[in-house]
Structures are given as C-alpha cells and as structure tokens.
Amino acid sequence: DYAEAAKWYEKVAAEGRAYPQYLMGWMYENGQGVSANPKQAAQWYQKAADQGDQRAQASLGFLYAQGKGVAQDDALAAQWFLKAAEQDEPSVYSSLAWAYHQGKGVAADDAQAAKWFEKAAQNGDVQAKYMLGFLYEEGRGVEKNGTTAAKWYREAAEAGNREAMEALGALYFFGTGVEQDYAQAVKWYLEPAQQGSTYAQYLLGYMYEDGKGVDKDAAQAAKWYKLAAEKGDARAQSRLGWMYYEGTGVEQDLVEAYMWSNLAAAQLSGDERAQVEKVRDFIASKLKPEELAQAQQRARDWQPKAQ
C-alpha cells in the first residue's frame, strides 16, 4: 500500500531523516502512493542529497540531466553523479563516465572516463565494457593496449553488444591485440551484419569474395556487398559494380555495373575516386548510348535504404 507508506514516510521525512526523504522523492518521481510530481521529487531528493544520501544524490543527478522537475543542468547533474559515485553508488558510474568522455557538465577527461567506465564494467554494465575496450584500443585516458581492448570487447560481445562484436571482429581481422584470425572475424561480424551494420556487411562481402575465414563464395559476397551498397557504402558499391560487370555472383548487367560504379565515384575522393571513375568509364565504353542514358538515370534516381 504505497499510499499508506507515503503517509508514514512523510511524517519522518519532515523531521529531517535522509532515507525517508529519499523514498518520498522516489514516490513523487514515480507516482507511487502520491500523484507524480517531479518538482516535489526533486525537493525531497535535494533534502536527502544534502545530508549525503548517495541514492538521493544519484536520483537528483538524473533529474538535472533530464531537466525533470528542475531546470536541465549538465554541470549539476555531473556534480551529483560524482558525489554519489564517490560513495560507491553503482547506478551513476556509467553516467559519470559519459559526462567525462563527452565533456558534458565537466571538462572532458578520458582518464576519469576510463576510471568510471571500469567501475561500471566491473558492475556488469555491458555498454561500459564496450567503451572501455574502445578507450584501450585508442589509448585514450589509458595506455593503448590491444589485448586489454579485446578482453573488454569480448565480454561485451558475448553479452550481445553489437558495437563490441564489430570491434572484436576488426581486431581479429587486422590482428590487433589478438592473433589474426579471419574465421573469428567472420564469426563476430555475422550478427552485426544480419542486424544491418553496413561496415560488417561490406567486410563480410570482402571475406567471401577473397576466401578469408570462409570458402570463396561469389554469390555470398555479392549478397553482402549489395546490402551495404543499398545503404550507401561507397566501397561496397564499387565492388558490386565490378561484380555486375563480370557477372560474378550475380547475373551480368552492365547497366547495373555502371550505376553502382557511378554512385561509388560520387562519394569517394583522391586516388580512390580516380580509380573508380576509371572503372566506371571503362564500363561506359561497353554500353550503347541508350543503355548509358538508362544507367545514368538510375544513378540519379537512386536513394539509399534506411539504416
């Protein structure tokens, strides 16, 4: 009976006891036993937070971060997150880490971000594990260490984090922090690719085309390239264009070959663009004027599919 609980908690909260004040804040924030009232929630949290209650400090920080019941204020949010985190309140570790990583309400500081991401990761926060892997891979706030990056990426990937799967796949692909292993790269790229990651789709296409970690399979290569190409990946568009020209993995279609090559060239720059333009123009030389006009029109009409 939350209403009955609220009646008795309010009596002792009014006498200045921090825990009942925190609970009154929670009830007003969540509309349990009382009508939801973020402003009242903030007032009760503030009373308890001023007395050092870390749960109230955390809750007040979240209200400031969201601008809920108080004016939105990243600096005050970070201030309360820090107070709560220093009292080992696990609910704020990740939020504080992101504040330091993004310079949101505090000066950007990747060393502090890494410290709090590690706390969150050790507490089971999967996204924090991914971010810790990223910081170790990039050497931001910590000494660069591919092996440690792989450890944290693996923990996050095994818990289902798609970004970590991609990142771990890349470590295996390039042999960074782990022994190069294309089969492992394929394993970790597969789920992100199936879920729509353009980067993973392109690399799966490349590995099927080249027989890295899998048996060579032109049809599979074309399938993955096409998925990435349809979302606008220039490298995939370039490879798919050539496959259509050769009729490898797909039925030969010079109009499609020109269209994809043209789309790729429009996105690239420097030597890459020059190379793709050379291929595009070579394909154009094989087309009849009416086919070339059709291919150019298809390129103009093309729109990427949603990510």
Protein backbone atom coordinates (compact mmCIF):
# COMPACT_ATOMS: atom_id res chain seq x y z
CA ASP A 1 0.00 0.00 0.00
CA TYR A 2 2.10 2.85 -1.31
CA ALA A 3 -0.38 5.50 -0.20
CA GLU A 4 -0.15 4.27 3.39
CA ALA A 5 3.62 4.04 3.13
CA ALA A 6 3.82 7.60 1.78
CA LYS A 7 1.73 8.89 4.71
CA TRP A 8 4.12 7.48 7.30
CA TYR A 9 7.31 8.19 5.41
CA GLU A 10 6.32 11.84 5.02
CA LYS A 11 5.95 12.20 8.78
CA VAL A 12 9.53 11.09 9.47
CA ALA A 13 10.87 12.78 6.33
CA ALA A 14 9.54 16.08 7.66
CA GLU A 15 11.63 15.50 10.79
CA GLY A 16 14.77 15.53 8.64
CA ARG A 17 15.64 11.86 8.19
CA ALA A 18 17.50 11.30 4.92
CA TYR A 19 16.29 7.82 3.94
CA PRO A 20 12.55 8.66 4.20
CA GLN A 21 13.27 11.89 2.30
CA TYR A 22 14.86 9.85 -0.49
CA LEU A 23 11.87 7.48 -0.51
CA MET A 24 9.43 10.41 -0.71
CA GLY A 25 11.40 11.67 -3.71
CA TRP A 26 11.14 8.25 -5.33
CA MET A 27 7.39 8.10 -4.71
CA TYR A 28 6.79 11.55 -6.17
CA GLU A 29 9.01 10.79 -9.16
CA ASN A 30 7.25 7.50 -9.91
CA GLY A 31 3.71 8.40 -8.81
CA GLN A 32 3.59 5.62 -6.22
CA GLY A 33 1.19 6.39 -3.34
CA VAL A 34 1.08 10.03 -4.39
CA SER A 35 0.41 11.88 -7.65
CA ALA A 36 3.54 12.02 -9.79
CA ASN A 37 5.22 15.37 -9.24
CA PRO A 38 8.83 15.74 -10.47
CA LYS A 39 9.23 19.09 -8.73
CA GLN A 40 8.26 17.59 -5.37
CA ALA A 41 10.53 14.64 -6.12
CA ALA A 42 13.46 17.00 -6.71
CA GLN A 43 12.79 18.86 -3.47
CA TRP A 44 12.79 15.67 -1.40
CA TYR A 45 15.85 14.29 -3.21
CA GLN A 46 17.65 17.58 -2.56
CA LYS A 47 16.97 17.36 1.19
CA ALA A 48 18.32 13.81 1.37
CA ALA A 49 21.22 14.52 -1.00
CA ASP A 50 22.34 17.46 1.13
CA GLN A 51 22.60 15.02 4.02
CA GLY A 52 24.82 12.72 1.98
CA ASP A 53 22.37 10.02 0.88
CA GLN A 54 24.02 8.61 -2.23
CA ARG A 55 20.79 7.22 -3.72
CA ALA A 56 19.21 10.67 -3.48
CA GLN A 57 22.35 12.24 -4.97
CA ALA A 58 22.16 9.85 -7.90
CA SER A 59 18.43 10.45 -8.41
CA LEU A 60 18.87 14.21 -8.23
CA GLY A 61 21.66 13.96 -10.80
CA PHE A 62 19.35 12.12 -13.19
CA LEU A 63 16.64 14.77 -12.74
CA TYR A 64 19.14 17.52 -13.60
CA ALA A 65 20.40 15.53 -16.59
CA GLN A 66 16.84 15.17 -17.92
CA GLY A 67 15.52 18.58 -16.86
CA LYS A 68 12.75 16.79 -14.96
CA GLY A 69 11.29 18.81 -12.06
CA VAL A 70 14.30 21.14 -12.25
CA ALA A 71 15.95 23.20 -14.97
CA GLN A 72 18.18 20.97 -17.08
CA ASP A 73 21.78 21.44 -15.94
CA ASP A 74 24.60 19.14 -17.04
CA ALA A 75 27.06 20.65 -14.55
CA LEU A 76 24.78 19.99 -11.57
CA ALA A 77 23.99 16.52 -12.92
CA ALA A 78 27.70 15.69 -13.10
CA GLN A 79 28.28 17.21 -9.66
CA TRP A 80 25.67 14.96 -8.04
CA PHE A 81 26.78 11.93 -10.03
CA LEU A 82 30.32 12.44 -8.72
CA LYS A 83 29.16 12.78 -5.11
CA ALA A 84 27.13 9.58 -5.42
CA ALA A 85 29.89 7.69 -7.28
CA GLU A 86 32.44 8.59 -4.61
CA GLN A 87 30.13 6.83 -2.16
CA ASP A 88 30.10 3.73 -4.38
CA GLU A 89 26.63 4.24 -5.84
CA PRO A 90 26.77 1.94 -8.90
CA SER A 91 23.79 3.44 -10.74
CA VAL A 92 25.82 6.55 -11.67
CA TYR A 93 29.16 5.07 -12.71
CA SER A 94 28.31 4.92 -16.40
CA SER A 95 26.57 8.33 -16.48
CA LEU A 96 29.58 9.95 -14.83
CA ALA A 97 31.93 8.19 -17.24
CA TRP A 98 29.95 9.50 -20.22
CA ALA A 99 30.00 13.02 -18.75
CA TYR A 100 33.81 12.91 -18.60
CA HIS A 101 34.10 11.25 -22.01
CA GLN A 102 31.86 13.82 -23.72
CA GLY A 103 32.86 16.83 -21.62
CA LYS A 104 29.23 17.21 -20.60
CA GLY A 105 28.95 19.34 -17.45
CA VAL A 106 32.63 18.74 -16.66
CA ALA A 107 35.91 19.22 -18.51
CA ALA A 108 36.49 16.32 -20.90
CA ASP A 109 38.85 13.85 -19.25
CA ASP A 110 39.26 10.36 -20.73
CA ALA A 111 41.35 9.19 -17.76
CA GLN A 112 38.39 9.90 -15.48
CA ALA A 113 36.04 8.41 -18.07
CA ALA A 114 38.10 5.20 -18.14
CA LYS A 115 38.12 5.03 -14.33
CA TRP A 116 34.34 5.20 -14.08
CA PHE A 117 33.67 3.05 -17.15
CA GLU A 118 35.80 0.38 -15.49
CA LYS A 119 33.75 0.66 -12.30
CA ALA A 120 30.56 0.31 -14.35
CA ALA A 121 32.01 -2.57 -16.38
CA GLN A 122 33.01 -4.46 -13.26
CA ASN A 123 29.45 -3.94 -12.07
CA GLY A 124 28.16 -5.66 -15.22
CA ASP A 125 27.35 -2.68 -17.47
CA VAL A 126 27.71 -4.07 -21.00
CA GLN A 127 27.95 -0.72 -22.82
CA ALA A 128 30.65 0.35 -20.35
CA LYS A 129 32.63 -2.78 -21.25
CA TYR A 130 32.44 -1.80 -24.92
CA MET A 131 33.53 1.76 -24.16
CA LEU A 132 36.42 0.55 -22.01
CA GLY A 133 37.55 -1.62 -24.91
CA PHE A 134 37.36 1.40 -27.20
CA LEU A 135 39.47 3.54 -24.85
CA TYR A 136 42.13 0.82 -24.58
CA GLU A 137 42.15 0.31 -28.34
CA GLU A 138 42.57 4.03 -28.99
CA GLY A 139 44.85 4.74 -25.99
CA ARG A 140 42.54 7.44 -24.68
CA GLY A 141 42.84 8.03 -20.94
CA VAL A 142 44.71 4.73 -20.59
CA GLU A 143 47.83 3.21 -22.13
CA LYS A 144 46.99 1.77 -25.54
CA ASN A 145 46.61 -1.99 -25.22
CA GLY A 146 45.01 -4.16 -27.88
CA THR A 147 44.94 -7.23 -25.65
CA THR A 148 43.01 -5.43 -22.93
CA ALA A 149 40.74 -3.88 -25.56
CA ALA A 150 39.99 -7.37 -26.88
CA LYS A 151 39.21 -8.61 -23.35
CA TRP A 152 36.57 -5.93 -22.76
CA TYR A 153 35.17 -6.14 -26.29
CA ARG A 154 34.80 -9.91 -25.90
CA GLU A 155 32.93 -9.57 -22.61
CA ALA A 156 30.55 -7.03 -24.16
CA ALA A 157 30.20 -9.01 -27.40
CA GLU A 158 29.37 -12.22 -25.53
CA ALA A 159 26.65 -10.26 -23.72
CA GLY A 160 25.14 -9.27 -27.08
CA ASN A 161 26.56 -5.78 -27.67
CA ARG A 162 26.61 -5.26 -31.45
CA GLU A 163 29.24 -2.50 -31.41
CA ALA A 164 31.56 -4.75 -29.44
CA MET A 165 31.00 -7.62 -31.88
CA GLU A 166 32.07 -5.37 -34.75
CA ALA A 167 35.05 -4.05 -32.83
CA LEU A 168 36.18 -7.55 -31.85
CA GLY A 169 35.73 -8.68 -35.45
CA ALA A 170 38.01 -5.84 -36.54
CA LEU A 171 40.70 -6.83 -34.03
CA TYR A 172 40.68 -10.37 -35.40
CA PHE A 173 40.61 -9.10 -38.99
CA PHE A 174 43.67 -6.89 -38.52
CA GLY A 175 45.39 -8.98 -35.82
CA THR A 176 45.35 -6.18 -33.26
CA GLY A 177 45.74 -7.38 -29.67
CA VAL A 178 44.88 -10.92 -30.82
CA GLU A 179 46.35 -13.32 -33.33
CA GLN A 180 44.94 -12.55 -36.78
CA ASP A 181 42.09 -14.97 -37.40
CA TYR A 182 39.71 -14.36 -40.31
CA ALA A 183 37.36 -17.14 -39.20
CA GLN A 184 36.90 -15.39 -35.85
CA ALA A 185 36.42 -12.10 -37.70
CA VAL A 186 33.63 -13.68 -39.75
CA LYS A 187 32.06 -15.10 -36.59
CA TRP A 188 31.89 -11.71 -34.88
CA TYR A 189 30.89 -9.72 -37.97
CA LEU A 190 27.99 -12.01 -38.83
CA GLU A 191 25.41 -10.91 -36.25
CA PRO A 192 26.03 -7.14 -36.70
CA ALA A 193 25.78 -7.67 -40.47
CA GLN A 194 22.49 -9.52 -40.05
CA GLN A 195 21.25 -6.67 -37.86
CA GLY A 196 22.07 -4.08 -40.51
CA SER A 197 25.63 -2.88 -39.87
CA THR A 198 26.88 -1.53 -43.21
CA TYR A 199 30.53 -1.84 -42.15
CA ALA A 200 30.13 -5.51 -41.19
CA GLN A 201 28.17 -6.26 -44.36
CA TYR A 202 30.92 -4.78 -46.53
CA LEU A 203 33.65 -6.73 -44.75
CA LEU A 204 31.71 -9.99 -44.94
CA GLY A 205 31.37 -9.38 -48.67
CA TYR A 206 35.11 -8.84 -48.92
CA MET A 207 35.90 -12.01 -46.95
CA TYR A 208 33.53 -14.15 -49.05
CA GLU A 209 34.98 -12.68 -52.24
CA ASP A 210 38.56 -13.27 -51.14
CA GLY A 211 38.04 -16.52 -49.21
CA LYS A 212 39.28 -15.10 -45.91
CA GLY A 213 37.94 -17.14 -42.98
CA VAL A 214 35.31 -18.73 -45.24
CA ASP A 215 35.29 -20.62 -48.52
CA LYS A 216 35.20 -18.31 -51.52
CA ASP A 217 31.60 -17.70 -52.48
CA ALA A 218 30.86 -15.01 -55.06
CA ALA A 219 27.10 -15.18 -54.53
CA GLN A 220 27.50 -14.60 -50.78
CA ALA A 221 29.97 -11.80 -51.47
CA ALA A 222 27.51 -10.12 -53.82
CA LYS A 223 24.69 -10.56 -51.31
CA TRP A 224 26.58 -8.77 -48.52
CA TYR A 225 28.01 -6.10 -50.83
CA LYS A 226 24.51 -5.35 -52.11
CA LEU A 227 23.09 -4.93 -48.61
CA ALA A 228 25.83 -2.43 -47.78
CA ALA A 229 25.68 -0.75 -51.20
CA GLU A 230 21.95 -0.20 -50.91
CA LYS A 231 22.57 1.78 -47.73
CA GLY A 232 25.20 3.95 -49.41
CA ASP A 233 28.57 2.32 -48.65
CA ALA A 234 30.88 3.50 -51.43
CA ARG A 235 33.36 0.60 -51.16
CA ALA A 236 30.54 -1.93 -51.40
CA GLN A 237 29.04 -0.05 -54.35
CA SER A 238 32.38 -0.14 -56.13
CA ARG A 239 32.87 -3.88 -55.61
CA LEU A 240 29.25 -4.65 -56.52
CA GLY A 241 29.59 -2.64 -59.73
CA TRP A 242 32.55 -4.74 -60.81
CA MET A 243 30.74 -7.97 -59.94
CA TYR A 244 27.84 -6.91 -62.15
CA TYR A 245 30.31 -6.12 -64.93
CA GLU A 246 31.95 -9.54 -64.70
CA GLY A 247 28.78 -11.45 -63.90
CA THR A 248 30.44 -12.86 -60.78
CA GLY A 249 27.99 -13.92 -58.09
CA VAL A 250 25.24 -12.08 -59.96
CA GLU A 251 23.87 -12.16 -63.46
CA GLN A 252 25.92 -9.87 -65.68
CA ASP A 253 24.26 -6.47 -66.07
CA LEU A 254 26.35 -3.60 -67.46
CA VAL A 255 23.67 -1.01 -66.69
CA GLU A 256 23.73 -2.01 -63.00
CA ALA A 257 27.52 -2.15 -63.12
CA TYR A 258 27.72 1.43 -64.35
CA MET A 259 25.11 2.69 -61.86
CA TRP A 260 26.92 1.28 -58.80
CA SER A 261 30.32 2.44 -60.03
CA ASN A 262 28.95 5.92 -60.66
CA LEU A 263 27.39 6.10 -57.19
CA ALA A 264 30.66 4.98 -55.59
CA ALA A 265 32.74 7.53 -57.51
CA ALA A 266 30.45 10.36 -56.39
CA GLN A 267 31.27 9.63 -52.73
CA LEU A 268 34.99 8.98 -52.94
CA SER A 269 37.90 11.38 -53.29
CA GLY A 270 41.53 11.43 -54.35
CA ASP A 271 43.11 8.27 -55.75
CA GLU A 272 40.14 6.11 -54.76
CA ARG A 273 37.79 8.27 -56.77
CA ALA A 274 40.13 8.31 -59.76
CA GLN A 275 40.34 4.51 -59.77
CA VAL A 276 36.58 4.02 -59.56
CA GLU A 277 35.96 6.66 -62.24
CA LYS A 278 38.39 4.79 -64.49
CA VAL A 279 36.37 1.58 -63.98
CA ARG A 280 33.08 3.44 -64.48
CA ASP A 281 34.27 4.99 -67.73
CA PHE A 282 35.55 1.63 -68.94
CA ILE A 283 32.10 0.13 -68.30
CA ALA A 284 30.50 3.12 -70.06
CA SER A 285 32.56 2.32 -73.17
CA LYS A 286 30.82 -1.07 -73.35
CA LEU A 287 27.31 0.42 -73.25
CA LYS A 288 25.10 1.54 -76.09
CA PRO A 289 24.06 5.23 -75.83
CA GLU A 290 20.53 4.32 -74.72
CA GLU A 291 21.93 1.91 -72.06
CA LEU A 292 24.30 4.57 -70.76
CA ALA A 293 21.42 7.05 -70.51
CA GLN A 294 19.40 4.46 -68.60
CA ALA A 295 22.30 3.75 -66.22
CA GLN A 296 22.85 7.47 -65.57
CA GLN A 297 19.14 7.95 -64.88
CA ARG A 298 19.14 5.05 -62.42
CA ALA A 299 22.05 6.65 -60.57
CA ARG A 300 20.21 9.98 -60.41
CA ASP A 301 17.04 8.32 -59.12
CA TRP A 302 18.77 6.07 -56.59
CA GLN A 303 18.04 6.65 -52.89
CA PRO A 304 19.73 4.77 -50.04
CA LYS A 305 17.67 2.38 -47.98
CA ALA A 306 17.23 3.28 -44.32
CA GLN A 307 19.98 2.11 -41.98
